[in-house]
Amino acid sequence: MRQDNDAVYWNDLIGCNVIDQNSKLLGKIYKLENHGASDLIFIKTDYEDIIIPLEDQFLVNFELEKNTLNVNWE
């Protein structure tokens, strides 16, 4: 995930809505953790938790103003 000129901090991501490539709301980020090989984003949904690696291949766009993270995730 790249953010032009501005760094993205973990605290910026907590509470963000996560939207998949089909414009479906997956849930909200409630925590991030480092697990050695990569950082992980934990998303709370109505039914389960989703865990997505914090890697460019899964992260499309972060909009701080809209409190939204777009991901490439099914």
C-alpha atoms as a PDB file:
ATOM      1  CA  MET A   1       0.000   0.000   0.000  1.00  0.00           C
ATOM      2  CA  ARG A   2       1.450   3.328  -0.968  1.00  0.00           C
ATOM      3  CA  GLN A   3       0.425   6.680   0.419  1.00  0.00           C
ATOM      4  CA  ASP A   4       1.743   9.672  -1.544  1.00  0.00           C
ATOM      5  CA  ASN A   5       3.937  11.905   0.620  1.00  0.00           C
ATOM      6  CA  ASP A   6       2.251  10.810   3.853  1.00  0.00           C
ATOM      7  CA  ALA A   7       3.097   7.871   6.055  1.00  0.00           C
ATOM      8  CA  VAL A   8       0.259   5.563   7.055  1.00  0.00           C
ATOM      9  CA  TYR A   9       0.363   4.593  10.716  1.00  0.00           C
ATOM     10  CA  TRP A  10      -1.345   1.659  12.387  1.00  0.00           C
ATOM     11  CA  ASN A  11      -3.456   4.061  14.427  1.00  0.00           C
ATOM     12  CA  ASP A  12      -4.782   5.544  11.160  1.00  0.00           C
ATOM     13  CA  LEU A  13      -6.097   2.099  10.172  1.00  0.00           C
ATOM     14  CA  ILE A  14      -7.859   1.156  13.437  1.00  0.00           C
ATOM     15  CA  GLY A  15     -11.612   1.630  12.968  1.00  0.00           C
ATOM     16  CA  CYS A  16     -11.427   1.931   9.165  1.00  0.00           C
ATOM     17  CA  ASN A  17     -14.064   0.313   7.004  1.00  0.00           C
ATOM     18  CA  VAL A  18     -12.573  -2.360   4.752  1.00  0.00           C
ATOM     19  CA  ILE A  19     -14.066  -2.695   1.269  1.00  0.00           C
ATOM     20  CA  ASP A  20     -13.227  -5.500  -1.163  1.00  0.00           C
ATOM     21  CA  GLN A  21     -12.679  -5.297  -4.937  1.00  0.00           C
ATOM     22  CA  ASN A  22     -16.439  -5.796  -5.490  1.00  0.00           C
ATOM     23  CA  SER A  23     -17.285  -2.734  -3.360  1.00  0.00           C
ATOM     24  CA  LYS A  24     -18.578  -4.997  -0.570  1.00  0.00           C
ATOM     25  CA  LEU A  25     -18.039  -3.843   3.015  1.00  0.00           C
ATOM     26  CA  LEU A  26     -16.097  -6.586   4.789  1.00  0.00           C
ATOM     27  CA  GLY A  27     -16.047  -4.951   8.234  1.00  0.00           C
ATOM     28  CA  LYS A  28     -13.891  -2.685  10.390  1.00  0.00           C
ATOM     29  CA  ILE A  29     -10.250  -3.006  11.373  1.00  0.00           C
ATOM     30  CA  TYR A  30     -10.024  -3.563  15.120  1.00  0.00           C
ATOM     31  CA  LYS A  31      -6.336  -4.397  15.537  1.00  0.00           C
ATOM     32  CA  LEU A  32      -3.033  -4.911  13.769  1.00  0.00           C
ATOM     33  CA  GLU A  33      -0.251  -7.234  14.862  1.00  0.00           C
ATOM     34  CA  ASN A  34       3.246  -8.103  13.742  1.00  0.00           C
ATOM     35  CA  HIS A  35       3.756 -11.820  13.172  1.00  0.00           C
ATOM     36  CA  GLY A  36       7.352 -11.905  12.049  1.00  0.00           C
ATOM     37  CA  ALA A  37       7.041 -12.388   8.304  1.00  0.00           C
ATOM     38  CA  SER A  38       4.389  -9.681   7.944  1.00  0.00           C
ATOM     39  CA  ASP A  39       1.985  -7.424   9.768  1.00  0.00           C
ATOM     40  CA  LEU A  40      -1.628  -8.571   9.892  1.00  0.00           C
ATOM     41  CA  ILE A  41      -4.875  -6.592   9.774  1.00  0.00           C
ATOM     42  CA  PHE A  42      -7.748  -8.009  11.851  1.00  0.00           C
ATOM     43  CA  ILE A  43     -11.219  -7.169  10.553  1.00  0.00           C
ATOM     44  CA  LYS A  44     -14.400  -7.685  12.575  1.00  0.00           C
ATOM     45  CA  THR A  45     -17.392  -8.792  10.509  1.00  0.00           C
ATOM     46  CA  ASP A  46     -20.911  -9.745  11.561  1.00  0.00           C
ATOM     47  CA  TYR A  47     -19.991 -13.443  11.440  1.00  0.00           C
ATOM     48  CA  GLU A  48     -16.250 -13.893  11.872  1.00  0.00           C
ATOM     49  CA  ASP A  49     -12.885 -12.205  11.928  1.00  0.00           C
ATOM     50  CA  ILE A  50     -10.937 -11.803   8.689  1.00  0.00           C
ATOM     51  CA  ILE A  51      -7.165 -11.587   8.813  1.00  0.00           C
ATOM     52  CA  ILE A  52      -5.353  -9.982   5.875  1.00  0.00           C
ATOM     53  CA  PRO A  53      -1.570  -9.628   5.559  1.00  0.00           C
ATOM     54  CA  LEU A  54      -0.485  -5.997   5.389  1.00  0.00           C
ATOM     55  CA  GLU A  55       1.146  -6.421   1.965  1.00  0.00           C
ATOM     56  CA  ASP A  56       0.871  -4.407  -1.250  1.00  0.00           C
ATOM     57  CA  GLN A  57      -0.662  -7.317  -3.202  1.00  0.00           C
ATOM     58  CA  PHE A  58      -3.769  -7.183  -0.990  1.00  0.00           C
ATOM     59  CA  LEU A  59      -3.996  -3.453  -0.287  1.00  0.00           C
ATOM     60  CA  VAL A  60      -5.391  -1.210  -3.005  1.00  0.00           C
ATOM     61  CA  ASN A  61      -6.100   2.216  -1.530  1.00  0.00           C
ATOM     62  CA  PHE A  62      -6.313   3.912   1.856  1.00  0.00           C
ATOM     63  CA  GLU A  63      -8.405   7.066   2.222  1.00  0.00           C
ATOM     64  CA  LEU A  64      -7.884   8.631   5.631  1.00  0.00           C
ATOM     65  CA  GLU A  65     -10.545  11.285   4.978  1.00  0.00           C
ATOM     66  CA  LYS A  66     -13.155   8.601   4.240  1.00  0.00           C
ATOM     67  CA  ASN A  67     -11.844   6.213   6.913  1.00  0.00           C
ATOM     68  CA  THR A  68     -11.696   3.495   4.230  1.00  0.00           C
ATOM     69  CA  LEU A  69      -9.231   0.810   3.179  1.00  0.00           C
ATOM     70  CA  ASN A  70      -9.857  -0.888  -0.182  1.00  0.00           C
ATOM     71  CA  VAL A  71      -8.454  -4.407  -0.469  1.00  0.00           C
ATOM     72  CA  ASN A  72      -8.062  -7.110  -3.077  1.00  0.00           C
ATOM     73  CA  TRP A  73      -9.579  -9.936  -1.024  1.00  0.00           C
ATOM     74  CA  GLU A  74     -12.313 -12.519  -1.516  1.00  0.00           C
END
